[in-house]
Amino acid sequence: MNQQLMEDIFQALTQVVDPSTGLDVVRMRVIEDLRIENEGRVKLVLHPSSPVCPLAYKVAADIKLAIKRVPGIKDVEVKIKDFKDANRLEAMLKEI
């Protein structure tokens, strides 16, 4: 089941496009350490394209929402790496 869920997640992530590059987040390789834990809980690390990326909030929210829409996913936890406002962005993502 986890293998199919992982494929579904990556398929959903190919639909999340960074507006500044026109590339999806899978091709941009900004997601690290993506894993599925028990009961449909997903954890991942997002490494924005720059430490001050102005679109990081939008892209991060789009990533979380795309994964949450995958059937079988109950929760998504996103940690932010190497971003100026990482704590504020993580707090915002917890509200989604």
PDB file of N, CA and C in Angstrom:
ATOM      1  N   MET A   1       0.824  -1.199   0.000  1.00  0.00           N
ATOM      2  CA  MET A   1       0.000   0.000   0.000  1.00  0.00           C
ATOM      3  C   MET A   1       0.869   1.264   0.000  1.00  0.00           C
ATOM      4  N   ASN A   2       1.952   1.272   0.771  1.00  0.00           N
ATOM      5  CA  ASN A   2       2.801   2.457   0.817  1.00  0.00           C
ATOM      6  C   ASN A   2       3.416   2.786  -0.533  1.00  0.00           C
ATOM      7  N   GLN A   3       3.760   1.758  -1.309  1.00  0.00           N
ATOM      8  CA  GLN A   3       4.347   2.009  -2.629  1.00  0.00           C
ATOM      9  C   GLN A   3       3.346   2.725  -3.534  1.00  0.00           C
ATOM     10  N   GLN A   4       2.099   2.270  -3.523  1.00  0.00           N
ATOM     11  CA  GLN A   4       1.071   2.925  -4.335  1.00  0.00           C
ATOM     12  C   GLN A   4       0.811   4.339  -3.837  1.00  0.00           C
ATOM     13  N   LEU A   5       0.760   4.517  -2.515  1.00  0.00           N
ATOM     14  CA  LEU A   5       0.569   5.857  -1.961  1.00  0.00           C
ATOM     15  C   LEU A   5       1.712   6.780  -2.375  1.00  0.00           C
ATOM     16  N   MET A   6       2.927   6.268  -2.326  1.00  0.00           N
ATOM     17  CA  MET A   6       4.086   7.078  -2.706  1.00  0.00           C
ATOM     18  C   MET A   6       3.988   7.490  -4.174  1.00  0.00           C
ATOM     19  N   GLU A   7       3.584   6.566  -5.030  1.00  0.00           N
ATOM     20  CA  GLU A   7       3.406   6.901  -6.445  1.00  0.00           C
ATOM     21  C   GLU A   7       2.323   7.958  -6.622  1.00  0.00           C
ATOM     22  N   ASP A   8       1.222   7.819  -5.882  1.00  0.00           N
ATOM     23  CA  ASP A   8       0.136   8.797  -5.965  1.00  0.00           C
ATOM     24  C   ASP A   8       0.594  10.176  -5.485  1.00  0.00           C
ATOM     25  N   ILE A   9       1.400  10.186  -4.426  1.00  0.00           N
ATOM     26  CA  ILE A   9       1.922  11.453  -3.907  1.00  0.00           C
ATOM     27  C   ILE A   9       2.812  12.123  -4.947  1.00  0.00           C
ATOM     28  N   PHE A  10       3.731  11.366  -5.526  1.00  0.00           N
ATOM     29  CA  PHE A  10       4.621  11.960  -6.525  1.00  0.00           C
ATOM     30  C   PHE A  10       3.843  12.427  -7.751  1.00  0.00           C
ATOM     31  N   GLN A  11       2.810  11.703  -8.120  1.00  0.00           N
ATOM     32  CA  GLN A  11       1.972  12.144  -9.237  1.00  0.00           C
ATOM     33  C   GLN A  11       1.304  13.476  -8.895  1.00  0.00           C
ATOM     34  N   ALA A  12       0.788  13.597  -7.671  1.00  0.00           N
ATOM     35  CA  ALA A  12       0.163  14.853  -7.239  1.00  0.00           C
ATOM     36  C   ALA A  12       1.181  15.989  -7.227  1.00  0.00           C
ATOM     37  N   LEU A  13       2.398  15.687  -6.798  1.00  0.00           N
ATOM     38  CA  LEU A  13       3.428  16.725  -6.717  1.00  0.00           C
ATOM     39  C   LEU A  13       3.880  17.217  -8.085  1.00  0.00           C
ATOM     40  N   THR A  14       3.730  16.395  -9.105  1.00  0.00           N
ATOM     41  CA  THR A  14       4.094  16.863 -10.448  1.00  0.00           C
ATOM     42  C   THR A  14       3.144  17.956 -10.932  1.00  0.00           C
ATOM     43  N   GLN A  15       2.017  18.116 -10.239  1.00  0.00           N
ATOM     44  CA  GLN A  15       1.060  19.164 -10.597  1.00  0.00           C
ATOM     45  C   GLN A  15       1.344  20.483  -9.876  1.00  0.00           C
ATOM     46  N   VAL A  16       2.282  20.459  -8.921  1.00  0.00           N
ATOM     47  CA  VAL A  16       2.645  21.671  -8.182  1.00  0.00           C
ATOM     48  C   VAL A  16       3.812  22.330  -8.916  1.00  0.00           C
ATOM     49  N   VAL A  17       3.548  23.489  -9.485  1.00  0.00           N
ATOM     50  CA  VAL A  17       4.530  24.173 -10.332  1.00  0.00           C
ATOM     51  C   VAL A  17       5.000  25.457  -9.651  1.00  0.00           C
ATOM     52  N   ASP A  18       6.299  25.661  -9.665  1.00  0.00           N
ATOM     53  CA  ASP A  18       6.880  26.909  -9.180  1.00  0.00           C
ATOM     54  C   ASP A  18       6.643  27.962 -10.266  1.00  0.00           C
ATOM     55  N   PRO A  19       5.857  29.001  -9.964  1.00  0.00           N
ATOM     56  CA  PRO A  19       5.532  29.997 -10.986  1.00  0.00           C
ATOM     57  C   PRO A  19       6.754  30.718 -11.561  1.00  0.00           C
ATOM     58  N   SER A  20       7.817  30.810 -10.796  1.00  0.00           N
ATOM     59  CA  SER A  20       8.988  31.548 -11.286  1.00  0.00           C
ATOM     60  C   SER A  20       9.818  30.747 -12.286  1.00  0.00           C
ATOM     61  N   THR A  21       9.721  29.413 -12.227  1.00  0.00           N
ATOM     62  CA  THR A  21      10.522  28.583 -13.134  1.00  0.00           C
ATOM     63  C   THR A  21       9.682  27.826 -14.152  1.00  0.00           C
ATOM     64  N   GLY A  22       8.409  27.620 -13.830  1.00  0.00           N
ATOM     65  CA  GLY A  22       7.558  26.812 -14.695  1.00  0.00           C
ATOM     66  C   GLY A  22       7.791  25.320 -14.535  1.00  0.00           C
ATOM     67  N   LEU A  23       8.629  24.941 -13.579  1.00  0.00           N
ATOM     68  CA  LEU A  23       8.928  23.529 -13.333  1.00  0.00           C
ATOM     69  C   LEU A  23       8.139  23.019 -12.140  1.00  0.00           C
ATOM     70  N   ASP A  24       7.804  21.720 -12.188  1.00  0.00           N
ATOM     71  CA  ASP A  24       7.127  21.142 -11.030  1.00  0.00           C
ATOM     72  C   ASP A  24       8.150  20.867  -9.930  1.00  0.00           C
ATOM     73  N   VAL A  25       7.651  20.718  -8.700  1.00  0.00           N
ATOM     74  CA  VAL A  25       8.542  20.583  -7.547  1.00  0.00           C
ATOM     75  C   VAL A  25       9.320  19.272  -7.544  1.00  0.00           C
ATOM     76  N   VAL A  26       8.836  18.264  -8.249  1.00  0.00           N
ATOM     77  CA  VAL A  26       9.584  17.009  -8.354  1.00  0.00           C
ATOM     78  C   VAL A  26      10.817  17.241  -9.225  1.00  0.00           C
ATOM     79  N   ARG A  27      10.626  17.861 -10.368  1.00  0.00           N
ATOM     80  CA  ARG A  27      11.757  18.141 -11.269  1.00  0.00           C
ATOM     81  C   ARG A  27      12.741  19.129 -10.650  1.00  0.00           C
ATOM     82  N   MET A  28      12.237  20.038  -9.817  1.00  0.00           N
ATOM     83  CA  MET A  28      13.114  21.012  -9.164  1.00  0.00           C
ATOM     84  C   MET A  28      13.911  20.389  -8.016  1.00  0.00           C
ATOM     85  N   ARG A  29      13.473  19.238  -7.548  1.00  0.00           N
ATOM     86  CA  ARG A  29      14.149  18.523  -6.447  1.00  0.00           C
ATOM     87  C   ARG A  29      14.234  19.366  -5.179  1.00  0.00           C
ATOM     88  N   VAL A  30      13.127  20.010  -4.828  1.00  0.00           N
ATOM     89  CA  VAL A  30      13.090  20.816  -3.609  1.00  0.00           C
ATOM     90  C   VAL A  30      12.511  20.045  -2.425  1.00  0.00           C
ATOM     91  N   ILE A  31      12.065  18.828  -2.666  1.00  0.00           N
ATOM     92  CA  ILE A  31      11.503  17.998  -1.600  1.00  0.00           C
ATOM     93  C   ILE A  31      12.513  16.925  -1.237  1.00  0.00           C
ATOM     94  N   GLU A  32      12.772  16.821   0.058  1.00  0.00           N
ATOM     95  CA  GLU A  32      13.716  15.837   0.570  1.00  0.00           C
ATOM     96  C   GLU A  32      13.025  14.987   1.636  1.00  0.00           C
ATOM     97  N   ASP A  33      13.544  13.809   1.840  1.00  0.00           N
ATOM     98  CA  ASP A  33      13.139  12.939   2.949  1.00  0.00           C
ATOM     99  C   ASP A  33      11.617  12.758   3.034  1.00  0.00           C
ATOM    100  N   LEU A  34      10.994  12.488   1.914  1.00  0.00           N
ATOM    101  CA  LEU A  34       9.552  12.239   1.884  1.00  0.00           C
ATOM    102  C   LEU A  34       9.293  10.819   2.359  1.00  0.00           C
ATOM    103  N   ARG A  35       8.456  10.694   3.385  1.00  0.00           N
ATOM    104  CA  ARG A  35       8.146   9.356   3.890  1.00  0.00           C
ATOM    105  C   ARG A  35       6.707   9.286   4.372  1.00  0.00           C
ATOM    106  N   ILE A  36       6.175   8.074   4.284  1.00  0.00           N
ATOM    107  CA  ILE A  36       4.824   7.805   4.765  1.00  0.00           C
ATOM    108  C   ILE A  36       4.958   7.014   6.049  1.00  0.00           C
ATOM    109  N   GLU A  37       4.331   7.520   7.097  1.00  0.00           N
ATOM    110  CA  GLU A  37       4.342   6.822   8.369  1.00  0.00           C
ATOM    111  C   GLU A  37       3.000   6.127   8.551  1.00  0.00           C
ATOM    112  N   ASN A  38       2.795   5.568   9.703  1.00  0.00           N
ATOM    113  CA  ASN A  38       1.564   4.829   9.989  1.00  0.00           C
ATOM    114  C   ASN A  38       0.321   5.681   9.771  1.00  0.00           C
ATOM    115  N   GLU A  39      -0.716   5.021   9.332  1.00  0.00           N
ATOM    116  CA  GLU A  39      -2.055   5.613   9.221  1.00  0.00           C
ATOM    117  C   GLU A  39      -2.118   6.834   8.303  1.00  0.00           C
ATOM    118  N   GLY A  40      -1.370   6.814   7.201  1.00  0.00           N
ATOM    119  CA  GLY A  40      -1.489   7.875   6.212  1.00  0.00           C
ATOM    120  C   GLY A  40      -0.869   9.197   6.587  1.00  0.00           C
ATOM    121  N   ARG A  41       0.079   9.177   7.487  1.00  0.00           N
ATOM    122  CA  ARG A  41       0.771  10.407   7.887  1.00  0.00           C
ATOM    123  C   ARG A  41       2.026  10.569   7.026  1.00  0.00           C
ATOM    124  N   VAL A  42       2.153  11.722   6.379  1.00  0.00           N
ATOM    125  CA  VAL A  42       3.290  11.999   5.503  1.00  0.00           C
ATOM    126  C   VAL A  42       4.164  13.072   6.151  1.00  0.00           C
ATOM    127  N   LYS A  43       5.471  12.850   6.073  1.00  0.00           N
ATOM    128  CA  LYS A  43       6.438  13.851   6.530  1.00  0.00           C
ATOM    129  C   LYS A  43       7.400  14.123   5.386  1.00  0.00           C
ATOM    130  N   LEU A  44       7.798  15.388   5.264  1.00  0.00           N
ATOM    131  CA  LEU A  44       8.771  15.744   4.237  1.00  0.00           C
ATOM    132  C   LEU A  44       9.523  16.993   4.645  1.00  0.00           C
ATOM    133  N   VAL A  45      10.639  17.204   3.986  1.00  0.00           N
ATOM    134  CA  VAL A  45      11.433  18.413   4.165  1.00  0.00           C
ATOM    135  C   VAL A  45      11.397  19.171   2.841  1.00  0.00           C
ATOM    136  N   LEU A  46      11.077  20.448   2.925  1.00  0.00           N
ATOM    137  CA  LEU A  46      11.065  21.320   1.747  1.00  0.00           C
ATOM    138  C   LEU A  46      12.272  22.243   1.815  1.00  0.00           C
ATOM    139  N   HIS A  47      13.028  22.256   0.750  1.00  0.00           N
ATOM    140  CA  HIS A  47      14.202  23.117   0.626  1.00  0.00           C
ATOM    141  C   HIS A  47      13.904  24.125  -0.482  1.00  0.00           C
ATOM    142  N   PRO A  48      13.369  25.310  -0.121  1.00  0.00           N
ATOM    143  CA  PRO A  48      13.040  26.296  -1.156  1.00  0.00           C
ATOM    144  C   PRO A  48      14.244  26.603  -2.047  1.00  0.00           C
ATOM    145  N   SER A  49      13.962  27.074  -3.238  1.00  0.00           N
ATOM    146  CA  SER A  49      15.014  27.292  -4.235  1.00  0.00           C
ATOM    147  C   SER A  49      16.026  28.361  -3.825  1.00  0.00           C
ATOM    148  N   SER A  50      15.654  29.224  -2.883  1.00  0.00           N
ATOM    149  CA  SER A  50      16.617  30.186  -2.335  1.00  0.00           C
ATOM    150  C   SER A  50      16.199  30.511  -0.901  1.00  0.00           C
ATOM    151  N   PRO A  51      17.128  30.996  -0.073  1.00  0.00           N
ATOM    152  CA  PRO A  51      16.809  31.303   1.325  1.00  0.00           C
ATOM    153  C   PRO A  51      15.795  32.430   1.483  1.00  0.00           C
ATOM    154  N   VAL A  52      15.584  33.201   0.440  1.00  0.00           N
ATOM    155  CA  VAL A  52      14.628  34.315   0.499  1.00  0.00           C
ATOM    156  C   VAL A  52      13.579  34.209  -0.610  1.00  0.00           C
ATOM    157  N   CYS A  53      13.324  33.021  -1.070  1.00  0.00           N
ATOM    158  CA  CYS A  53      12.389  32.784  -2.175  1.00  0.00           C
ATOM    159  C   CYS A  53      11.028  33.419  -1.872  1.00  0.00           C
ATOM    160  N   PRO A  54      10.601  34.397  -2.665  1.00  0.00           N
ATOM    161  CA  PRO A  54       9.332  35.069  -2.389  1.00  0.00           C
ATOM    162  C   PRO A  54       8.112  34.174  -2.604  1.00  0.00           C
ATOM    163  N   LEU A  55       8.266  33.099  -3.349  1.00  0.00           N
ATOM    164  CA  LEU A  55       7.136  32.210  -3.620  1.00  0.00           C
ATOM    165  C   LEU A  55       7.116  30.979  -2.720  1.00  0.00           C
ATOM    166  N   ALA A  56       8.000  30.923  -1.736  1.00  0.00           N
ATOM    167  CA  ALA A  56       8.087  29.740  -0.873  1.00  0.00           C
ATOM    168  C   ALA A  56       6.771  29.466  -0.149  1.00  0.00           C
ATOM    169  N   TYR A  57       6.087  30.508   0.292  1.00  0.00           N
ATOM    170  CA  TYR A  57       4.822  30.310   1.006  1.00  0.00           C
ATOM    171  C   TYR A  57       3.783  29.661   0.100  1.00  0.00           C
ATOM    172  N   LYS A  58       3.661  30.169  -1.110  1.00  0.00           N
ATOM    173  CA  LYS A  58       2.682  29.612  -2.047  1.00  0.00           C
ATOM    174  C   LYS A  58       3.035  28.182  -2.425  1.00  0.00           C
ATOM    175  N   VAL A  59       4.287  27.944  -2.777  1.00  0.00           N
ATOM    176  CA  VAL A  59       4.703  26.608  -3.202  1.00  0.00           C
ATOM    177  C   VAL A  59       4.539  25.609  -2.056  1.00  0.00           C
ATOM    178  N   ALA A  60       4.930  25.994  -0.846  1.00  0.00           N
ATOM    179  CA  ALA A  60       4.800  25.101   0.307  1.00  0.00           C
ATOM    180  C   ALA A  60       3.336  24.758   0.569  1.00  0.00           C
ATOM    181  N   ALA A  61       2.467  25.751   0.517  1.00  0.00           N
ATOM    182  CA  ALA A  61       1.037  25.502   0.722  1.00  0.00           C
ATOM    183  C   ALA A  61       0.485  24.602  -0.375  1.00  0.00           C
ATOM    184  N   ASP A  62       0.881  24.846  -1.610  1.00  0.00           N
ATOM    185  CA  ASP A  62       0.422  24.013  -2.726  1.00  0.00           C
ATOM    186  C   ASP A  62       0.885  22.568  -2.564  1.00  0.00           C
ATOM    187  N   ILE A  63       2.116  22.379  -2.088  1.00  0.00           N
ATOM    188  CA  ILE A  63       2.635  21.026  -1.851  1.00  0.00           C
ATOM    189  C   ILE A  63       1.789  20.315  -0.804  1.00  0.00           C
ATOM    190  N   LYS A  64       1.561  20.980   0.314  1.00  0.00           N
ATOM    191  CA  LYS A  64       0.789  20.345   1.390  1.00  0.00           C
ATOM    192  C   LYS A  64      -0.626  20.015   0.919  1.00  0.00           C
ATOM    193  N   LEU A  65      -1.274  20.942   0.251  1.00  0.00           N
ATOM    194  CA  LEU A  65      -2.643  20.703  -0.214  1.00  0.00           C
ATOM    195  C   LEU A  65      -2.703  19.586  -1.253  1.00  0.00           C
ATOM    196  N   ALA A  66      -1.726  19.522  -2.136  1.00  0.00           N
ATOM    197  CA  ALA A  66      -1.700  18.462  -3.157  1.00  0.00           C
ATOM    198  C   ALA A  66      -1.587  17.091  -2.502  1.00  0.00           C
ATOM    199  N   ILE A  67      -0.731  16.977  -1.503  1.00  0.00           N
ATOM    200  CA  ILE A  67      -0.565  15.687  -0.823  1.00  0.00           C
ATOM    201  C   ILE A  67      -1.808  15.341  -0.017  1.00  0.00           C
ATOM    202  N   LYS A  68      -2.401  16.327   0.648  1.00  0.00           N
ATOM    203  CA  LYS A  68      -3.605  16.061   1.447  1.00  0.00           C
ATOM    204  C   LYS A  68      -4.767  15.556   0.593  1.00  0.00           C
ATOM    205  N   ARG A  69      -4.794  15.914  -0.679  1.00  0.00           N
ATOM    206  CA  ARG A  69      -5.879  15.470  -1.565  1.00  0.00           C
ATOM    207  C   ARG A  69      -5.713  14.024  -2.028  1.00  0.00           C
ATOM    208  N   VAL A  70      -4.551  13.430  -1.809  1.00  0.00           N
ATOM    209  CA  VAL A  70      -4.328  12.040  -2.224  1.00  0.00           C
ATOM    210  C   VAL A  70      -5.142  11.121  -1.314  1.00  0.00           C
ATOM    211  N   PRO A  71      -5.976  10.245  -1.887  1.00  0.00           N
ATOM    212  CA  PRO A  71      -6.752   9.318  -1.063  1.00  0.00           C
ATOM    213  C   PRO A  71      -5.840   8.470  -0.179  1.00  0.00           C
ATOM    214  N   GLY A  72      -6.216   8.366   1.092  1.00  0.00           N
ATOM    215  CA  GLY A  72      -5.435   7.579   2.040  1.00  0.00           C
ATOM    216  C   GLY A  72      -4.496   8.415   2.889  1.00  0.00           C
ATOM    217  N   ILE A  73      -4.321   9.687   2.537  1.00  0.00           N
ATOM    218  CA  ILE A  73      -3.452  10.570   3.314  1.00  0.00           C
ATOM    219  C   ILE A  73      -4.310  11.319   4.328  1.00  0.00           C
ATOM    220  N   LYS A  74      -3.894  11.234   5.581  1.00  0.00           N
ATOM    221  CA  LYS A  74      -4.666  11.874   6.648  1.00  0.00           C
ATOM    222  C   LYS A  74      -4.003  13.134   7.194  1.00  0.00           C
ATOM    223  N   ASP A  75      -2.674  13.191   7.128  1.00  0.00           N
ATOM    224  CA  ASP A  75      -1.967  14.336   7.694  1.00  0.00           C
ATOM    225  C   ASP A  75      -0.650  14.527   6.949  1.00  0.00           C
ATOM    226  N   VAL A  76      -0.226  15.775   6.831  1.00  0.00           N
ATOM    227  CA  VAL A  76       1.034  16.097   6.154  1.00  0.00           C
ATOM    228  C   VAL A  76       1.809  17.069   7.037  1.00  0.00           C
ATOM    229  N   GLU A  77       3.029  16.695   7.361  1.00  0.00           N
ATOM    230  CA  GLU A  77       3.916  17.564   8.142  1.00  0.00           C
ATOM    231  C   GLU A  77       5.074  17.995   7.250  1.00  0.00           C
ATOM    232  N   VAL A  78       5.244  19.314   7.130  1.00  0.00           N
ATOM    233  CA  VAL A  78       6.298  19.862   6.275  1.00  0.00           C
ATOM    234  C   VAL A  78       7.300  20.616   7.146  1.00  0.00           C
ATOM    235  N   LYS A  79       8.543  20.209   7.070  1.00  0.00           N
ATOM    236  CA  LYS A  79       9.641  20.936   7.715  1.00  0.00           C
ATOM    237  C   LYS A  79      10.345  21.742   6.624  1.00  0.00           C
ATOM    238  N   ILE A  80      10.795  22.929   6.988  1.00  0.00           N
ATOM    239  CA  ILE A  80      11.442  23.818   6.029  1.00  0.00           C
ATOM    240  C   ILE A  80      12.936  23.894   6.338  1.00  0.00           C
ATOM    241  N   LYS A  81      13.735  23.800   5.294  1.00  0.00           N
ATOM    242  CA  LYS A  81      15.195  23.790   5.438  1.00  0.00           C
ATOM    243  C   LYS A  81      15.804  24.958   4.662  1.00  0.00           C
ATOM    244  N   ASP A  82      16.754  25.627   5.286  1.00  0.00           N
ATOM    245  CA  ASP A  82      17.537  26.684   4.625  1.00  0.00           C
ATOM    246  C   ASP A  82      16.672  27.789   4.011  1.00  0.00           C
ATOM    247  N   PHE A  83      15.737  28.299   4.824  1.00  0.00           N
ATOM    248  CA  PHE A  83      14.877  29.398   4.386  1.00  0.00           C
ATOM    249  C   PHE A  83      14.839  30.432   5.500  1.00  0.00           C
ATOM    250  N   LYS A  84      14.924  31.693   5.134  1.00  0.00           N
ATOM    251  CA  LYS A  84      15.009  32.792   6.101  1.00  0.00           C
ATOM    252  C   LYS A  84      13.862  32.784   7.119  1.00  0.00           C
ATOM    253  N   ASP A  85      12.649  32.574   6.666  1.00  0.00           N
ATOM    254  CA  ASP A  85      11.473  32.600   7.541  1.00  0.00           C
ATOM    255  C   ASP A  85      10.923  31.196   7.788  1.00  0.00           C
ATOM    256  N   ALA A  86      11.800  30.233   7.989  1.00  0.00           N
ATOM    257  CA  ALA A  86      11.373  28.835   8.124  1.00  0.00           C
ATOM    258  C   ALA A  86      10.357  28.642   9.245  1.00  0.00           C
ATOM    259  N   ASN A  87      10.596  29.236  10.406  1.00  0.00           N
ATOM    260  CA  ASN A  87       9.671  29.039  11.532  1.00  0.00           C
ATOM    261  C   ASN A  87       8.287  29.593  11.228  1.00  0.00           C
ATOM    262  N   ARG A  88       8.239  30.761  10.626  1.00  0.00           N
ATOM    263  CA  ARG A  88       6.941  31.365  10.297  1.00  0.00           C
ATOM    264  C   ARG A  88       6.216  30.557   9.222  1.00  0.00           C
ATOM    265  N   LEU A  89       6.956  30.077   8.239  1.00  0.00           N
ATOM    266  CA  LEU A  89       6.352  29.266   7.184  1.00  0.00           C
ATOM    267  C   LEU A  89       5.828  27.950   7.743  1.00  0.00           C
ATOM    268  N   GLU A  90       6.591  27.293   8.607  1.00  0.00           N
ATOM    269  CA  GLU A  90       6.125  26.047   9.223  1.00  0.00           C
ATOM    270  C   GLU A  90       4.865  26.286  10.049  1.00  0.00           C
ATOM    271  N   ALA A  91       4.815  27.392  10.781  1.00  0.00           N
ATOM    272  CA  ALA A  91       3.623  27.717  11.576  1.00  0.00           C
ATOM    273  C   ALA A  91       2.408  27.910  10.670  1.00  0.00           C
ATOM    274  N   MET A  92       2.594  28.596   9.542  1.00  0.00           N
ATOM    275  CA  MET A  92       1.491  28.796   8.603  1.00  0.00           C
ATOM    276  C   MET A  92       0.995  27.463   8.053  1.00  0.00           C
ATOM    277  N   LEU A  93       1.940  26.583   7.719  1.00  0.00           N
ATOM    278  CA  LEU A  93       1.567  25.289   7.140  1.00  0.00           C
ATOM    279  C   LEU A  93       0.780  24.427   8.122  1.00  0.00           C
ATOM    280  N   LYS A  94       1.038  24.575   9.402  1.00  0.00           N
ATOM    281  CA  LYS A  94       0.292  23.796  10.404  1.00  0.00           C
ATOM    282  C   LYS A  94      -1.186  24.173  10.414  1.00  0.00           C
ATOM    283  N   GLU A  95      -1.499  25.372   9.955  1.00  0.00           N
ATOM    284  CA  GLU A  95      -2.888  25.846   9.934  1.00  0.00           C
ATOM    285  C   GLU A  95      -3.658  25.359   8.709  1.00  0.00           C
ATOM    286  N   ILE A  96      -2.965  24.779   7.754  1.00  0.00           N
ATOM    287  CA  ILE A  96      -3.621  24.324   6.515  1.00  0.00           C
ATOM    288  C   ILE A  96      -4.137  22.916   6.707  1.00  0.00           C
TER     289      ILE A  96
END
